[in-house]
Amino acid sequence: MSASTPSPPAGDRSAPAIHLRPARDADVAAIVPLLLRLKRLNEEFDPLLKVRDDAEAQARETVRGQLADPKAVVLVAEGSGADREKVVGFVRAVVRERPFYTPQFEGVIVDIYLLPLYRRRGVGEYLLAEVSSALKAKGAGVVTAEFPAQNEIAVRFYAKRGFRPVTSIHARPL
């Protein structure tokens, strides 16, 4: 994965530039609040996604574990201008085996989050392209994304980029 700054999409010269790079241990403190913002947003979509009281500690542990996991990809987006060297977004993904299907390995985008200023300007698409490349380099032959079913923004984002529903998870409280 090349750490570089994307050009703004054609016709949009107001797009803030970012620097995308693999996350490091020193980034955990910046990633955790963004991850919690995303999880709290997910909670708004469905009460079965209620954020736990210990979510901050869980987020730190999860991100640290994935930074050490050779099957995981964690990338951070640093902003430009006043946000230079500030983490303004991240993407987390893992490679999973699909024992009954080909391709055998699936790259799963677990979380993707950008601060509002960096949205709708091609930055999310850039994150998606780069994480897809990183997952392919780790052996994934297909990329999927997990997000709340009621998140129509995510549905449209991924559909516009060629994603389609493949499986569905249904839940009910016990």
C-alpha atoms as a PDB file:
ATOM      1  CA  MET A   1       0.000   0.000   0.000  1.00  0.00           C
ATOM      2  CA  SER A   2       1.415   3.328  -0.970  1.00  0.00           C
ATOM      3  CA  ALA A   3       1.000   6.166   1.473  1.00  0.00           C
ATOM      4  CA  SER A   4       0.033   9.065  -0.715  1.00  0.00           C
ATOM      5  CA  THR A   5      -2.304  11.975  -1.059  1.00  0.00           C
ATOM      6  CA  PRO A   6      -5.184  11.624  -3.510  1.00  0.00           C
ATOM      7  CA  SER A   7      -6.052  14.298  -6.021  1.00  0.00           C
ATOM      8  CA  PRO A   8      -9.481  15.840  -5.565  1.00  0.00           C
ATOM      9  CA  PRO A   9     -12.160  14.260  -7.748  1.00  0.00           C
ATOM     10  CA  ALA A  10     -12.597  15.916 -11.155  1.00  0.00           C
ATOM     11  CA  GLY A  11     -14.491  19.164 -10.780  1.00  0.00           C
ATOM     12  CA  ASP A  12     -14.099  19.305  -6.988  1.00  0.00           C
ATOM     13  CA  ARG A  13     -11.080  21.427  -6.123  1.00  0.00           C
ATOM     14  CA  SER A  14     -12.394  21.972  -2.577  1.00  0.00           C
ATOM     15  CA  ALA A  15     -11.688  18.362  -1.587  1.00  0.00           C
ATOM     16  CA  PRO A  16      -9.372  18.231   1.397  1.00  0.00           C
ATOM     17  CA  ALA A  17      -6.270  16.174   0.754  1.00  0.00           C
ATOM     18  CA  ILE A  18      -5.308  13.346   3.063  1.00  0.00           C
ATOM     19  CA  HIS A  19      -2.281  11.243   3.716  1.00  0.00           C
ATOM     20  CA  LEU A  20      -3.154   7.569   4.085  1.00  0.00           C
ATOM     21  CA  ARG A  21      -0.826   5.173   5.844  1.00  0.00           C
ATOM     22  CA  PRO A  22      -0.782   1.975   7.896  1.00  0.00           C
ATOM     23  CA  ALA A  23      -1.737   2.614  11.515  1.00  0.00           C
ATOM     24  CA  ARG A  24       0.881   2.369  14.248  1.00  0.00           C
ATOM     25  CA  ASP A  25       0.645   1.753  17.989  1.00  0.00           C
ATOM     26  CA  ALA A  26       0.945   5.505  18.550  1.00  0.00           C
ATOM     27  CA  ASP A  27      -2.301   5.996  16.556  1.00  0.00           C
ATOM     28  CA  VAL A  28      -4.491   3.933  18.892  1.00  0.00           C
ATOM     29  CA  ALA A  29      -5.341   6.960  21.050  1.00  0.00           C
ATOM     30  CA  ALA A  30      -6.563   8.837  17.956  1.00  0.00           C
ATOM     31  CA  ILE A  31      -8.422   5.892  16.390  1.00  0.00           C
ATOM     32  CA  VAL A  32     -10.416   4.921  19.506  1.00  0.00           C
ATOM     33  CA  PRO A  33     -12.584   8.091  19.718  1.00  0.00           C
ATOM     34  CA  LEU A  34     -13.369   7.835  15.989  1.00  0.00           C
ATOM     35  CA  LEU A  35     -14.251   4.157  16.366  1.00  0.00           C
ATOM     36  CA  LEU A  36     -16.556   4.982  19.274  1.00  0.00           C
ATOM     37  CA  ARG A  37     -18.254   7.743  17.232  1.00  0.00           C
ATOM     38  CA  LEU A  38     -18.934   5.156  14.533  1.00  0.00           C
ATOM     39  CA  LYS A  39     -20.268   2.578  16.984  1.00  0.00           C
ATOM     40  CA  ARG A  40     -22.558   5.193  18.580  1.00  0.00           C
ATOM     41  CA  LEU A  41     -23.816   6.081  15.119  1.00  0.00           C
ATOM     42  CA  ASN A  42     -24.509   2.378  14.514  1.00  0.00           C
ATOM     43  CA  GLU A  43     -26.499   2.328  17.758  1.00  0.00           C
ATOM     44  CA  GLU A  44     -28.823   4.946  16.245  1.00  0.00           C
ATOM     45  CA  PHE A  45     -29.633   2.535  13.408  1.00  0.00           C
ATOM     46  CA  ASP A  46     -30.600  -0.396  15.610  1.00  0.00           C
ATOM     47  CA  PRO A  47     -31.035  -0.904  19.380  1.00  0.00           C
ATOM     48  CA  LEU A  48     -29.353  -4.328  19.067  1.00  0.00           C
ATOM     49  CA  LEU A  49     -26.149  -2.369  18.399  1.00  0.00           C
ATOM     50  CA  LYS A  50     -26.161  -0.695  21.812  1.00  0.00           C
ATOM     51  CA  VAL A  51     -22.659   0.423  22.753  1.00  0.00           C
ATOM     52  CA  ARG A  52     -21.324  -1.232  25.899  1.00  0.00           C
ATOM     53  CA  ASP A  53     -20.169   0.755  28.926  1.00  0.00           C
ATOM     54  CA  ASP A  54     -16.649  -0.631  28.498  1.00  0.00           C
ATOM     55  CA  ALA A  55     -16.531   0.110  24.749  1.00  0.00           C
ATOM     56  CA  GLU A  56     -13.526   2.418  25.030  1.00  0.00           C
ATOM     57  CA  ALA A  57     -11.370  -0.264  26.650  1.00  0.00           C
ATOM     58  CA  GLN A  58     -12.674  -2.839  24.160  1.00  0.00           C
ATOM     59  CA  ALA A  59     -11.853  -0.510  21.256  1.00  0.00           C
ATOM     60  CA  ARG A  60      -8.273  -0.008  22.491  1.00  0.00           C
ATOM     61  CA  GLU A  61      -7.791  -3.755  22.910  1.00  0.00           C
ATOM     62  CA  THR A  62      -9.337  -4.568  19.526  1.00  0.00           C
ATOM     63  CA  VAL A  63      -7.312  -1.995  17.581  1.00  0.00           C
ATOM     64  CA  ARG A  64      -4.064  -2.975  19.323  1.00  0.00           C
ATOM     65  CA  GLY A  65      -4.766  -6.635  18.573  1.00  0.00           C
ATOM     66  CA  GLN A  66      -5.430  -5.914  14.919  1.00  0.00           C
ATOM     67  CA  LEU A  67      -2.249  -3.881  14.568  1.00  0.00           C
ATOM     68  CA  ALA A  68      -0.366  -7.060  15.520  1.00  0.00           C
ATOM     69  CA  ASP A  69      -2.537  -9.390  13.409  1.00  0.00           C
ATOM     70  CA  PRO A  70      -1.046 -10.305  10.020  1.00  0.00           C
ATOM     71  CA  LYS A  71      -4.580 -10.960   8.693  1.00  0.00           C
ATOM     72  CA  ALA A  72      -5.767  -7.442   9.569  1.00  0.00           C
ATOM     73  CA  VAL A  73      -5.421  -4.086   7.849  1.00  0.00           C
ATOM     74  CA  VAL A  74      -5.744  -0.839   9.782  1.00  0.00           C
ATOM     75  CA  LEU A  75      -5.134   2.363   7.846  1.00  0.00           C
ATOM     76  CA  VAL A  76      -5.340   5.931   9.106  1.00  0.00           C
ATOM     77  CA  ALA A  77      -6.096   9.058   7.137  1.00  0.00           C
ATOM     78  CA  GLU A  78      -4.264  12.181   8.217  1.00  0.00           C
ATOM     79  CA  GLY A  79      -5.728  15.509   7.215  1.00  0.00           C
ATOM     80  CA  SER A  80      -4.236  18.517   5.501  1.00  0.00           C
ATOM     81  CA  GLY A  81      -3.848  22.164   6.447  1.00  0.00           C
ATOM     82  CA  ALA A  82      -4.754  22.649  10.103  1.00  0.00           C
ATOM     83  CA  ASP A  83      -5.396  18.876  10.313  1.00  0.00           C
ATOM     84  CA  ARG A  84      -1.925  17.971   9.008  1.00  0.00           C
ATOM     85  CA  GLU A  85      -0.670  14.879  10.866  1.00  0.00           C
ATOM     86  CA  LYS A  86      -4.032  14.604  12.689  1.00  0.00           C
ATOM     87  CA  VAL A  87      -5.941  11.338  12.259  1.00  0.00           C
ATOM     88  CA  VAL A  88      -9.212  12.336  10.564  1.00  0.00           C
ATOM     89  CA  GLY A  89     -10.358   8.854   9.610  1.00  0.00           C
ATOM     90  CA  PHE A  90      -9.530   5.188   9.573  1.00  0.00           C
ATOM     91  CA  VAL A  91     -10.480   1.884   8.047  1.00  0.00           C
ATOM     92  CA  ARG A  92     -10.259  -1.553   9.699  1.00  0.00           C
ATOM     93  CA  ALA A  93     -10.468  -4.786   7.778  1.00  0.00           C
ATOM     94  CA  VAL A  94      -9.617  -8.459   8.202  1.00  0.00           C
ATOM     95  CA  VAL A  95      -9.009 -11.419   5.942  1.00  0.00           C
ATOM     96  CA  ARG A  96     -11.235 -14.415   6.708  1.00  0.00           C
ATOM     97  CA  GLU A  97     -11.263 -17.875   5.251  1.00  0.00           C
ATOM     98  CA  ARG A  98     -14.386 -19.014   3.395  1.00  0.00           C
ATOM     99  CA  PRO A  99     -14.002 -22.793   3.765  1.00  0.00           C
ATOM    100  CA  PHE A 100     -16.858 -23.709   1.414  1.00  0.00           C
ATOM    101  CA  TYR A 101     -16.456 -21.090  -1.320  1.00  0.00           C
ATOM    102  CA  THR A 102     -14.090 -19.718  -3.877  1.00  0.00           C
ATOM    103  CA  PRO A 103     -12.338 -17.444  -3.653  1.00  0.00           C
ATOM    104  CA  GLN A 104     -11.173 -19.028  -0.433  1.00  0.00           C
ATOM    105  CA  PHE A 105     -10.291 -15.769   1.333  1.00  0.00           C
ATOM    106  CA  GLU A 106     -12.529 -12.758   1.899  1.00  0.00           C
ATOM    107  CA  GLY A 107     -11.391  -9.283   2.883  1.00  0.00           C
ATOM    108  CA  VAL A 108     -13.984  -7.843   5.261  1.00  0.00           C
ATOM    109  CA  ILE A 109     -14.180  -4.108   5.824  1.00  0.00           C
ATOM    110  CA  VAL A 110     -15.303  -3.992   9.436  1.00  0.00           C
ATOM    111  CA  ASP A 111     -15.207  -0.225   9.970  1.00  0.00           C
ATOM    112  CA  ILE A 112     -14.610   2.833   7.836  1.00  0.00           C
ATOM    113  CA  TYR A 113     -14.987   6.296   9.315  1.00  0.00           C
ATOM    114  CA  LEU A 114     -14.104   9.833   8.269  1.00  0.00           C
ATOM    115  CA  LEU A 115     -14.720  13.085  10.083  1.00  0.00           C
ATOM    116  CA  PRO A 116     -17.578  14.989   8.385  1.00  0.00           C
ATOM    117  CA  LEU A 117     -15.288  17.589   6.730  1.00  0.00           C
ATOM    118  CA  TYR A 118     -13.610  14.798   4.741  1.00  0.00           C
ATOM    119  CA  ARG A 119     -16.794  13.107   3.505  1.00  0.00           C
ATOM    120  CA  ARG A 120     -18.456  13.349   0.090  1.00  0.00           C
ATOM    121  CA  ARG A 121     -15.228  14.475  -1.554  1.00  0.00           C
ATOM    122  CA  GLY A 122     -13.760  11.216  -2.840  1.00  0.00           C
ATOM    123  CA  VAL A 123     -11.777  10.454   0.306  1.00  0.00           C
ATOM    124  CA  GLY A 124     -13.976   7.479   1.301  1.00  0.00           C
ATOM    125  CA  GLU A 125     -13.620   6.043  -2.173  1.00  0.00           C
ATOM    126  CA  TYR A 126      -9.855   6.435  -1.883  1.00  0.00           C
ATOM    127  CA  LEU A 127      -9.866   4.628   1.498  1.00  0.00           C
ATOM    128  CA  LEU A 128     -11.968   1.851  -0.047  1.00  0.00           C
ATOM    129  CA  ALA A 129      -9.576   1.456  -2.994  1.00  0.00           C
ATOM    130  CA  GLU A 130      -6.491   1.369  -0.774  1.00  0.00           C
ATOM    131  CA  VAL A 131      -7.912  -1.068   1.787  1.00  0.00           C
ATOM    132  CA  SER A 132      -9.083  -3.290  -1.081  1.00  0.00           C
ATOM    133  CA  SER A 133      -5.537  -3.324  -2.479  1.00  0.00           C
ATOM    134  CA  ALA A 134      -4.098  -4.135   0.938  1.00  0.00           C
ATOM    135  CA  LEU A 135      -6.602  -6.982   1.417  1.00  0.00           C
ATOM    136  CA  LYS A 136      -5.798  -8.372  -2.034  1.00  0.00           C
ATOM    137  CA  ALA A 137      -2.101  -8.311  -1.130  1.00  0.00           C
ATOM    138  CA  LYS A 138      -2.971 -10.436   1.929  1.00  0.00           C
ATOM    139  CA  GLY A 139      -4.682 -13.034  -0.268  1.00  0.00           C
ATOM    140  CA  ALA A 140      -8.321 -11.902  -0.358  1.00  0.00           C
ATOM    141  CA  GLY A 141     -10.105 -12.687  -3.589  1.00  0.00           C
ATOM    142  CA  VAL A 142     -13.312 -10.822  -2.736  1.00  0.00           C
ATOM    143  CA  VAL A 143     -14.001  -7.807  -0.534  1.00  0.00           C
ATOM    144  CA  THR A 144     -17.117  -7.373   1.597  1.00  0.00           C
ATOM    145  CA  ALA A 145     -18.286  -4.686   3.997  1.00  0.00           C
ATOM    146  CA  GLU A 146     -20.184  -5.034   7.258  1.00  0.00           C
ATOM    147  CA  PHE A 147     -22.465  -2.244   8.455  1.00  0.00           C
ATOM    148  CA  PRO A 148     -25.950  -1.836   9.962  1.00  0.00           C
ATOM    149  CA  ALA A 149     -28.677  -2.916   7.537  1.00  0.00           C
ATOM    150  CA  GLN A 150     -30.595   0.328   8.156  1.00  0.00           C
ATOM    151  CA  ASN A 151     -27.614   2.531   7.209  1.00  0.00           C
ATOM    152  CA  GLU A 152     -28.877   3.695   3.821  1.00  0.00           C
ATOM    153  CA  ILE A 153     -25.867   5.987   3.375  1.00  0.00           C
ATOM    154  CA  ALA A 154     -23.536   2.978   3.590  1.00  0.00           C
ATOM    155  CA  VAL A 155     -25.821   0.922   1.338  1.00  0.00           C
ATOM    156  CA  ARG A 156     -25.652   3.629  -1.350  1.00  0.00           C
ATOM    157  CA  PHE A 157     -21.899   4.206  -0.873  1.00  0.00           C
ATOM    158  CA  TYR A 158     -21.035   0.562  -1.423  1.00  0.00           C
ATOM    159  CA  ALA A 159     -23.652  -0.070  -4.148  1.00  0.00           C
ATOM    160  CA  LYS A 160     -22.264   2.842  -6.163  1.00  0.00           C
ATOM    161  CA  ARG A 161     -18.878   1.118  -6.036  1.00  0.00           C
ATOM    162  CA  GLY A 162     -20.087  -2.276  -7.239  1.00  0.00           C
ATOM    163  CA  PHE A 163     -20.928  -3.993  -3.952  1.00  0.00           C
ATOM    164  CA  ARG A 164     -24.122  -6.019  -3.680  1.00  0.00           C
ATOM    165  CA  PRO A 165     -25.787  -8.035  -0.901  1.00  0.00           C
ATOM    166  CA  VAL A 166     -24.488 -11.600  -0.696  1.00  0.00           C
ATOM    167  CA  THR A 167     -25.580 -12.819   2.725  1.00  0.00           C
ATOM    168  CA  SER A 168     -27.875 -11.389   5.339  1.00  0.00           C
ATOM    169  CA  ILE A 169     -27.770 -11.570   9.128  1.00  0.00           C
ATOM    170  CA  HIS A 170     -31.063 -11.351  10.995  1.00  0.00           C
ATOM    171  CA  ALA A 171     -31.254 -10.970  14.760  1.00  0.00           C
ATOM    172  CA  ARG A 172     -33.673 -10.810  17.674  1.00  0.00           C
ATOM    173  CA  PRO A 173     -33.001 -10.277  21.354  1.00  0.00           C
ATOM    174  CA  LEU A 174     -33.237 -13.227  23.708  1.00  0.00           C
END
